[in-house]
């Protein structure tokens, strides 16, 4: 286990926790994501190897010119390795539908999954069996029936 990645996972921001709840355990249309994945000297917030797709969540510090230059250089490094980077501001996680739709569109463009791979709504099991012969045999009553 990489100790730096471990520390980064333990110190996740609220936005990273929220996005990870959507992506973890192949919950997002069966795409596998890794958190704080090491790539060269960089740690990628959320990485999908199948699609060679990187998601970055940026806080306010990414708005400063020096950090923006570092982010651009990092994105170019990843692009040279055929890895697409999608950046979201932490505040954009307040509109989860927009973020999910953007990720879905990007993933489908890079490594399409069939439509039925999208998370399905849970189906309710029937509450009644349709045929009477499908019913389990009834147990004898412990009381004698009145005659």
N, C-alpha and C. Protein backbone atom coordinates (compact mmCIF):
# COMPACT_ATOMS: atom_id res chain seq x y z
N UNK A 1 0.84 -1.18 0.00
CA UNK A 1 0.00 0.00 0.00
C UNK A 1 0.89 1.24 0.00
N UNK A 2 0.50 2.20 -0.78
CA UNK A 2 1.25 3.45 -0.86
C UNK A 2 0.85 4.35 0.31
N UNK A 3 1.83 4.72 1.18
CA UNK A 3 1.46 5.52 2.35
C UNK A 3 0.92 6.91 2.01
N UNK A 4 1.41 7.53 0.93
CA UNK A 4 0.91 8.86 0.55
C UNK A 4 -0.54 8.76 0.09
N UNK A 5 -0.83 7.78 -0.75
CA UNK A 5 -2.21 7.59 -1.22
C UNK A 5 -3.13 7.30 -0.03
N UNK A 6 -2.64 6.53 0.92
CA UNK A 6 -3.44 6.20 2.11
C UNK A 6 -3.80 7.47 2.88
N UNK A 7 -2.82 8.35 3.07
CA UNK A 7 -3.06 9.61 3.79
C UNK A 7 -4.04 10.48 3.00
N UNK A 8 -3.88 10.54 1.68
CA UNK A 8 -4.78 11.34 0.85
C UNK A 8 -6.22 10.82 0.95
N UNK A 9 -6.38 9.50 0.99
CA UNK A 9 -7.73 8.93 1.11
C UNK A 9 -8.34 9.26 2.47
N UNK A 10 -7.52 9.23 3.50
CA UNK A 10 -8.01 9.52 4.86
C UNK A 10 -8.43 10.99 5.00
N UNK A 11 -7.81 11.87 4.22
CA UNK A 11 -8.07 13.31 4.33
C UNK A 11 -8.95 13.81 3.19
N UNK A 12 -9.85 12.98 2.72
CA UNK A 12 -10.73 13.36 1.61
C UNK A 12 -11.58 14.58 1.96
N UNK A 13 -11.81 15.42 0.95
CA UNK A 13 -12.69 16.57 1.13
C UNK A 13 -14.15 16.08 1.07
N UNK A 14 -15.08 16.94 1.43
CA UNK A 14 -16.50 16.57 1.36
C UNK A 14 -16.88 16.21 -0.08
N UNK A 15 -16.31 16.94 -1.05
CA UNK A 15 -16.65 16.69 -2.46
C UNK A 15 -16.10 15.33 -2.90
N UNK A 16 -14.88 15.00 -2.47
CA UNK A 16 -14.31 13.69 -2.82
C UNK A 16 -15.12 12.56 -2.21
N UNK A 17 -15.56 12.73 -0.99
CA UNK A 17 -16.39 11.70 -0.35
C UNK A 17 -17.71 11.52 -1.10
N UNK A 18 -18.29 12.63 -1.51
CA UNK A 18 -19.57 12.57 -2.23
C UNK A 18 -19.41 11.87 -3.57
N UNK A 19 -18.36 12.23 -4.32
CA UNK A 19 -18.15 11.60 -5.62
C UNK A 19 -17.76 10.13 -5.46
N UNK A 20 -16.96 9.81 -4.46
CA UNK A 20 -16.56 8.42 -4.24
C UNK A 20 -17.76 7.55 -3.92
N UNK A 21 -18.75 8.09 -3.23
CA UNK A 21 -19.96 7.32 -2.93
C UNK A 21 -20.69 6.93 -4.21
N UNK A 22 -20.54 7.73 -5.26
CA UNK A 22 -21.18 7.44 -6.55
C UNK A 22 -20.35 6.45 -7.36
N UNK A 23 -19.03 6.55 -7.29
CA UNK A 23 -18.14 5.78 -8.16
C UNK A 23 -17.69 4.43 -7.59
N UNK A 24 -17.63 4.30 -6.30
CA UNK A 24 -17.00 3.11 -5.70
C UNK A 24 -17.76 1.82 -6.00
N UNK A 25 -17.06 0.72 -5.87
CA UNK A 25 -17.64 -0.63 -6.04
C UNK A 25 -18.36 -0.82 -7.38
N UNK A 26 -17.85 -0.20 -8.42
CA UNK A 26 -18.44 -0.31 -9.75
C UNK A 26 -19.90 0.15 -9.78
N UNK A 27 -20.26 1.05 -8.89
CA UNK A 27 -21.64 1.55 -8.83
C UNK A 27 -22.01 2.40 -10.03
N UNK A 28 -21.01 2.99 -10.66
CA UNK A 28 -21.29 3.88 -11.78
C UNK A 28 -21.19 3.08 -13.07
N UNK A 29 -22.28 2.46 -13.45
CA UNK A 29 -22.40 1.73 -14.72
C UNK A 29 -21.31 0.69 -14.92
N UNK A 30 -20.89 0.08 -13.84
CA UNK A 30 -19.91 -1.02 -13.83
C UNK A 30 -18.49 -0.57 -14.20
N UNK A 31 -18.22 0.72 -14.22
CA UNK A 31 -16.85 1.20 -14.43
C UNK A 31 -16.11 1.14 -13.10
N UNK A 32 -14.89 0.64 -13.14
CA UNK A 32 -14.08 0.55 -11.92
C UNK A 32 -13.20 1.79 -11.79
N UNK A 33 -13.33 2.47 -10.67
CA UNK A 33 -12.51 3.64 -10.37
C UNK A 33 -11.61 3.34 -9.19
N UNK A 34 -10.43 3.97 -9.23
CA UNK A 34 -9.49 3.90 -8.11
C UNK A 34 -9.30 5.29 -7.55
N UNK A 35 -9.21 5.38 -6.25
CA UNK A 35 -8.97 6.68 -5.58
C UNK A 35 -7.49 6.88 -5.36
N UNK A 36 -7.02 8.11 -5.57
CA UNK A 36 -5.63 8.49 -5.33
C UNK A 36 -4.67 7.50 -5.97
N UNK A 37 -4.88 7.28 -7.25
CA UNK A 37 -4.06 6.35 -8.04
C UNK A 37 -2.76 7.04 -8.45
N UNK A 38 -1.63 6.40 -8.16
CA UNK A 38 -0.33 6.97 -8.49
C UNK A 38 -0.04 6.79 -9.97
N UNK A 39 0.33 7.89 -10.63
CA UNK A 39 0.68 7.88 -12.06
C UNK A 39 1.92 8.76 -12.19
N UNK A 40 3.09 8.11 -12.34
CA UNK A 40 4.32 8.88 -12.35
C UNK A 40 4.51 9.52 -10.99
N UNK A 41 4.72 10.82 -10.98
CA UNK A 41 4.87 11.52 -9.70
C UNK A 41 3.55 12.11 -9.20
N UNK A 42 2.46 11.83 -9.89
CA UNK A 42 1.16 12.41 -9.57
C UNK A 42 0.23 11.39 -8.91
N UNK A 43 -0.70 11.92 -8.14
CA UNK A 43 -1.77 11.11 -7.58
C UNK A 43 -3.07 11.60 -8.18
N UNK A 44 -3.78 10.72 -8.87
CA UNK A 44 -5.01 11.07 -9.55
C UNK A 44 -6.18 10.87 -8.58
N UNK A 45 -7.06 11.85 -8.48
CA UNK A 45 -8.17 11.76 -7.53
C UNK A 45 -9.00 10.50 -7.78
N UNK A 46 -9.49 10.33 -9.00
CA UNK A 46 -10.31 9.16 -9.36
C UNK A 46 -9.90 8.72 -10.76
N UNK A 47 -9.47 7.48 -10.89
CA UNK A 47 -8.94 7.01 -12.17
C UNK A 47 -9.65 5.73 -12.60
N UNK A 48 -10.09 5.72 -13.86
CA UNK A 48 -10.70 4.53 -14.47
C UNK A 48 -9.72 4.03 -15.54
N UNK A 49 -9.06 2.90 -15.27
CA UNK A 49 -8.05 2.37 -16.19
C UNK A 49 -8.68 1.91 -17.51
N UNK A 50 -9.86 1.33 -17.44
CA UNK A 50 -10.54 0.83 -18.64
C UNK A 50 -10.71 1.94 -19.68
N UNK A 51 -11.10 3.12 -19.23
CA UNK A 51 -11.35 4.24 -20.14
C UNK A 51 -10.16 5.21 -20.21
N UNK A 52 -9.13 4.95 -19.41
CA UNK A 52 -7.99 5.87 -19.32
C UNK A 52 -8.53 7.28 -19.07
N UNK A 53 -9.26 7.38 -17.96
CA UNK A 53 -10.03 8.58 -17.64
C UNK A 53 -9.75 8.99 -16.20
N UNK A 54 -9.44 10.26 -16.03
CA UNK A 54 -9.08 10.80 -14.73
C UNK A 54 -10.06 11.90 -14.34
N UNK A 55 -10.59 11.82 -13.13
CA UNK A 55 -11.46 12.86 -12.59
C UNK A 55 -10.71 13.59 -11.49
N UNK A 56 -10.70 14.90 -11.57
CA UNK A 56 -10.06 15.73 -10.56
C UNK A 56 -11.10 16.67 -9.97
N UNK A 57 -11.10 16.78 -8.65
CA UNK A 57 -11.95 17.73 -7.96
C UNK A 57 -11.06 18.84 -7.43
N UNK A 58 -11.37 20.06 -7.81
CA UNK A 58 -10.53 21.20 -7.48
C UNK A 58 -11.21 22.11 -6.48
N UNK A 59 -10.47 22.42 -5.41
CA UNK A 59 -10.93 23.40 -4.44
C UNK A 59 -10.46 24.79 -4.84
N UNK A 60 -10.68 25.75 -3.98
CA UNK A 60 -10.39 27.15 -4.30
C UNK A 60 -8.91 27.41 -4.60
N UNK A 61 -7.99 26.61 -4.03
CA UNK A 61 -6.56 26.82 -4.28
C UNK A 61 -6.19 26.62 -5.75
N UNK A 62 -7.02 25.92 -6.49
CA UNK A 62 -6.74 25.67 -7.92
C UNK A 62 -7.07 26.89 -8.78
N UNK A 63 -7.65 27.91 -8.18
CA UNK A 63 -7.98 29.12 -8.91
C UNK A 63 -6.82 30.10 -9.04
N UNK A 64 -5.75 29.85 -8.32
CA UNK A 64 -4.59 30.75 -8.38
C UNK A 64 -3.71 30.40 -9.57
N UNK A 65 -3.10 31.41 -10.22
CA UNK A 65 -2.32 31.19 -11.44
C UNK A 65 -1.21 30.13 -11.29
N UNK A 66 -0.50 30.14 -10.16
CA UNK A 66 0.59 29.17 -9.98
C UNK A 66 0.05 27.74 -9.98
N UNK A 67 -1.04 27.51 -9.25
CA UNK A 67 -1.63 26.17 -9.20
C UNK A 67 -2.24 25.79 -10.55
N UNK A 68 -2.83 26.77 -11.22
CA UNK A 68 -3.41 26.52 -12.55
C UNK A 68 -2.33 26.06 -13.52
N UNK A 69 -1.13 26.65 -13.45
CA UNK A 69 -0.01 26.26 -14.32
C UNK A 69 0.42 24.83 -14.01
N UNK A 70 0.47 24.47 -12.72
CA UNK A 70 0.83 23.10 -12.33
C UNK A 70 -0.21 22.10 -12.83
N UNK A 71 -1.49 22.48 -12.70
CA UNK A 71 -2.58 21.60 -13.16
C UNK A 71 -2.50 21.40 -14.68
N UNK A 72 -2.20 22.47 -15.41
CA UNK A 72 -2.09 22.37 -16.87
C UNK A 72 -0.94 21.46 -17.27
N UNK A 73 0.19 21.59 -16.60
CA UNK A 73 1.35 20.74 -16.90
C UNK A 73 1.03 19.27 -16.60
N UNK A 74 0.35 19.04 -15.51
CA UNK A 74 -0.05 17.69 -15.13
C UNK A 74 -1.02 17.11 -16.16
N UNK A 75 -2.00 17.92 -16.57
CA UNK A 75 -2.96 17.45 -17.58
C UNK A 75 -2.26 17.12 -18.90
N UNK A 76 -1.27 17.89 -19.28
CA UNK A 76 -0.52 17.62 -20.51
C UNK A 76 0.27 16.32 -20.38
N UNK A 77 0.85 16.08 -19.21
CA UNK A 77 1.58 14.83 -18.96
C UNK A 77 0.63 13.64 -19.12
N UNK A 78 -0.55 13.75 -18.53
CA UNK A 78 -1.52 12.66 -18.63
C UNK A 78 -2.02 12.49 -20.06
N UNK A 79 -2.22 13.60 -20.76
CA UNK A 79 -2.67 13.55 -22.15
C UNK A 79 -1.63 12.83 -23.01
N UNK A 80 -0.35 13.03 -22.72
CA UNK A 80 0.72 12.35 -23.48
C UNK A 80 0.67 10.84 -23.25
N UNK A 81 0.02 10.41 -22.19
CA UNK A 81 -0.17 8.99 -21.89
C UNK A 81 -1.57 8.51 -22.28
N UNK A 82 -2.26 9.33 -23.09
CA UNK A 82 -3.61 9.03 -23.57
C UNK A 82 -4.62 8.89 -22.42
N UNK A 83 -4.47 9.72 -21.42
CA UNK A 83 -5.41 9.75 -20.30
C UNK A 83 -6.15 11.08 -20.35
N UNK A 84 -7.48 10.99 -20.45
CA UNK A 84 -8.30 12.20 -20.47
C UNK A 84 -8.55 12.65 -19.03
N UNK A 85 -8.42 13.92 -18.80
CA UNK A 85 -8.69 14.48 -17.48
C UNK A 85 -9.92 15.37 -17.55
N UNK A 86 -10.82 15.16 -16.62
CA UNK A 86 -12.01 15.99 -16.47
C UNK A 86 -11.93 16.62 -15.09
N UNK A 87 -12.00 17.94 -15.05
CA UNK A 87 -11.92 18.65 -13.78
C UNK A 87 -13.27 19.25 -13.43
N UNK A 88 -13.60 19.14 -12.15
CA UNK A 88 -14.79 19.78 -11.60
C UNK A 88 -14.37 20.60 -10.40
N UNK A 89 -14.99 21.75 -10.24
CA UNK A 89 -14.83 22.49 -9.01
C UNK A 89 -15.63 21.76 -7.93
N UNK A 90 -15.15 21.78 -6.71
CA UNK A 90 -15.88 21.14 -5.61
C UNK A 90 -17.33 21.60 -5.57
N UNK A 91 -17.55 22.88 -5.81
CA UNK A 91 -18.90 23.43 -5.74
C UNK A 91 -19.84 22.82 -6.79
N UNK A 92 -19.28 22.30 -7.88
CA UNK A 92 -20.12 21.69 -8.91
C UNK A 92 -20.77 20.39 -8.44
N UNK A 93 -20.24 19.80 -7.36
CA UNK A 93 -20.82 18.57 -6.82
C UNK A 93 -22.18 18.83 -6.19
N UNK A 94 -22.56 20.10 -6.06
CA UNK A 94 -23.90 20.41 -5.55
C UNK A 94 -24.95 20.07 -6.60
N UNK A 95 -24.54 20.03 -7.87
CA UNK A 95 -25.43 19.62 -8.96
C UNK A 95 -24.95 18.24 -9.45
N UNK A 96 -25.29 17.23 -8.69
CA UNK A 96 -24.80 15.88 -8.96
C UNK A 96 -25.22 15.38 -10.34
N UNK A 97 -26.42 15.73 -10.78
CA UNK A 97 -26.90 15.26 -12.08
C UNK A 97 -25.98 15.73 -13.20
N UNK A 98 -25.58 16.99 -13.18
CA UNK A 98 -24.67 17.53 -14.20
C UNK A 98 -23.34 16.77 -14.18
N UNK A 99 -22.79 16.55 -13.01
CA UNK A 99 -21.50 15.84 -12.87
C UNK A 99 -21.64 14.41 -13.39
N UNK A 100 -22.69 13.72 -12.98
CA UNK A 100 -22.90 12.33 -13.42
C UNK A 100 -23.08 12.25 -14.94
N UNK A 101 -23.87 13.17 -15.50
CA UNK A 101 -24.10 13.16 -16.95
C UNK A 101 -22.80 13.41 -17.71
N UNK A 102 -21.99 14.32 -17.22
CA UNK A 102 -20.71 14.62 -17.88
C UNK A 102 -19.80 13.41 -17.83
N UNK A 103 -19.68 12.78 -16.67
CA UNK A 103 -18.82 11.59 -16.53
C UNK A 103 -19.33 10.48 -17.44
N UNK A 104 -20.64 10.23 -17.43
CA UNK A 104 -21.23 9.18 -18.27
C UNK A 104 -20.90 9.41 -19.74
N UNK A 105 -21.08 10.63 -20.20
CA UNK A 105 -20.81 10.97 -21.59
C UNK A 105 -19.34 10.74 -21.94
N UNK A 106 -18.45 11.19 -21.07
CA UNK A 106 -17.01 11.01 -21.31
C UNK A 106 -16.63 9.53 -21.34
N UNK A 107 -17.14 8.76 -20.40
CA UNK A 107 -16.81 7.34 -20.35
C UNK A 107 -17.34 6.60 -21.58
N UNK A 108 -18.56 6.94 -22.00
CA UNK A 108 -19.14 6.29 -23.17
C UNK A 108 -18.32 6.60 -24.43
N UNK A 109 -17.76 7.78 -24.50
CA UNK A 109 -16.94 8.15 -25.66
C UNK A 109 -15.62 7.38 -25.68
N UNK A 110 -15.10 7.04 -24.52
CA UNK A 110 -13.78 6.39 -24.44
C UNK A 110 -13.86 4.87 -24.33
N UNK A 111 -14.82 4.35 -23.59
CA UNK A 111 -14.94 2.90 -23.39
C UNK A 111 -16.41 2.58 -23.15
N UNK A 112 -17.18 2.51 -24.25
CA UNK A 112 -18.63 2.36 -24.10
C UNK A 112 -19.04 1.07 -23.38
N UNK A 113 -20.01 1.22 -22.53
CA UNK A 113 -20.69 0.09 -21.92
C UNK A 113 -22.10 0.09 -22.48
N UNK A 114 -22.71 -1.08 -22.60
CA UNK A 114 -24.08 -1.10 -23.12
C UNK A 114 -25.02 -0.31 -22.21
N UNK A 115 -26.10 0.16 -22.82
CA UNK A 115 -27.08 0.96 -22.08
C UNK A 115 -27.57 0.25 -20.83
N UNK A 116 -27.74 -1.08 -20.93
CA UNK A 116 -28.28 -1.79 -19.78
C UNK A 116 -27.27 -1.89 -18.63
N UNK A 117 -26.06 -1.37 -18.83
CA UNK A 117 -25.08 -1.36 -17.75
C UNK A 117 -25.33 -0.20 -16.79
N UNK A 118 -26.19 0.73 -17.19
CA UNK A 118 -26.51 1.82 -16.29
C UNK A 118 -27.20 1.25 -15.06
N UNK A 119 -26.98 1.87 -13.92
CA UNK A 119 -27.61 1.34 -12.72
C UNK A 119 -29.13 1.28 -12.89
N UNK A 120 -29.69 0.14 -12.57
CA UNK A 120 -31.13 -0.05 -12.70
C UNK A 120 -31.82 0.29 -11.39
N UNK A 121 -33.07 0.65 -11.50
CA UNK A 121 -33.85 0.82 -10.28
C UNK A 121 -34.12 -0.57 -9.73
N UNK A 122 -34.17 -0.66 -8.44
CA UNK A 122 -34.45 -1.96 -7.84
C UNK A 122 -35.85 -2.39 -8.19
N UNK A 123 -35.95 -3.64 -8.59
CA UNK A 123 -37.27 -4.18 -8.90
C UNK A 123 -37.83 -4.83 -7.65
N UNK A 124 -39.10 -4.59 -7.42
CA UNK A 124 -39.74 -5.22 -6.28
C UNK A 124 -40.11 -6.64 -6.62
N UNK A 125 -39.89 -7.51 -5.69
CA UNK A 125 -40.30 -8.89 -5.89
C UNK A 125 -41.81 -8.97 -5.72
N UNK A 126 -42.46 -9.89 -6.42
CA UNK A 126 -43.91 -10.00 -6.26
C UNK A 126 -44.25 -10.37 -4.82
N UNK A 127 -45.31 -9.78 -4.34
CA UNK A 127 -45.72 -10.07 -2.96
C UNK A 127 -46.59 -11.31 -2.88
N UNK A 128 -47.16 -11.73 -4.01
CA UNK A 128 -48.02 -12.92 -4.04
C UNK A 128 -47.58 -13.82 -5.17
N UNK A 129 -47.67 -15.10 -4.91
CA UNK A 129 -47.41 -16.06 -5.97
C UNK A 129 -48.67 -16.15 -6.82
N UNK A 130 -48.49 -16.35 -8.10
CA UNK A 130 -49.63 -16.31 -9.01
C UNK A 130 -50.45 -17.60 -9.01
N UNK A 131 -49.79 -18.74 -8.92
CA UNK A 131 -50.52 -20.01 -8.99
C UNK A 131 -50.65 -20.60 -7.59
N UNK A 132 -51.78 -21.15 -7.32
CA UNK A 132 -51.98 -21.74 -5.99
C UNK A 132 -51.09 -22.96 -5.79
N UNK A 133 -50.76 -23.69 -6.90
CA UNK A 133 -49.91 -24.87 -6.74
C UNK A 133 -48.45 -24.49 -6.50
N UNK A 134 -48.10 -23.19 -6.64
CA UNK A 134 -46.75 -22.74 -6.34
C UNK A 134 -46.58 -22.44 -4.85
N UNK A 135 -47.71 -22.45 -4.12
CA UNK A 135 -47.65 -22.16 -2.71
C UNK A 135 -47.03 -23.33 -1.96
N UNK A 136 -46.27 -23.04 -0.92
CA UNK A 136 -45.71 -24.14 -0.13
C UNK A 136 -46.84 -24.88 0.58
N UNK A 137 -46.65 -26.15 0.89
CA UNK A 137 -47.71 -26.88 1.58
C UNK A 137 -47.98 -26.24 2.95
N UNK A 138 -49.25 -26.19 3.30
CA UNK A 138 -49.60 -25.58 4.59
C UNK A 138 -49.27 -26.54 5.71
N UNK A 139 -48.96 -25.97 6.84
CA UNK A 139 -48.64 -26.80 8.01
C UNK A 139 -49.94 -27.17 8.71
N UNK A 140 -49.97 -28.35 9.30
CA UNK A 140 -51.19 -28.70 10.02
C UNK A 140 -51.38 -27.76 11.22
N UNK A 141 -52.62 -27.43 11.47
CA UNK A 141 -52.93 -26.56 12.58
C UNK A 141 -52.70 -27.31 13.89
N UNK A 142 -52.14 -26.65 14.88
CA UNK A 142 -51.91 -27.33 16.16
C UNK A 142 -53.22 -27.60 16.92
N UNK A 143 -54.26 -26.87 16.58
CA UNK A 143 -55.55 -27.07 17.24
C UNK A 143 -56.43 -27.97 16.39
N UNK A 144 -57.19 -28.79 17.02
CA UNK A 144 -58.16 -29.56 16.22
C UNK A 144 -59.25 -28.64 15.71
N UNK A 145 -59.67 -28.88 14.51
CA UNK A 145 -60.70 -28.04 13.93
C UNK A 145 -62.06 -28.37 14.57
N UNK A 146 -62.90 -27.34 14.78
CA UNK A 146 -64.22 -27.59 15.39
C UNK A 146 -65.11 -28.38 14.44
N UNK A 147 -65.86 -29.35 14.99
CA UNK A 147 -66.76 -30.17 14.16
C UNK A 147 -68.15 -29.79 14.34
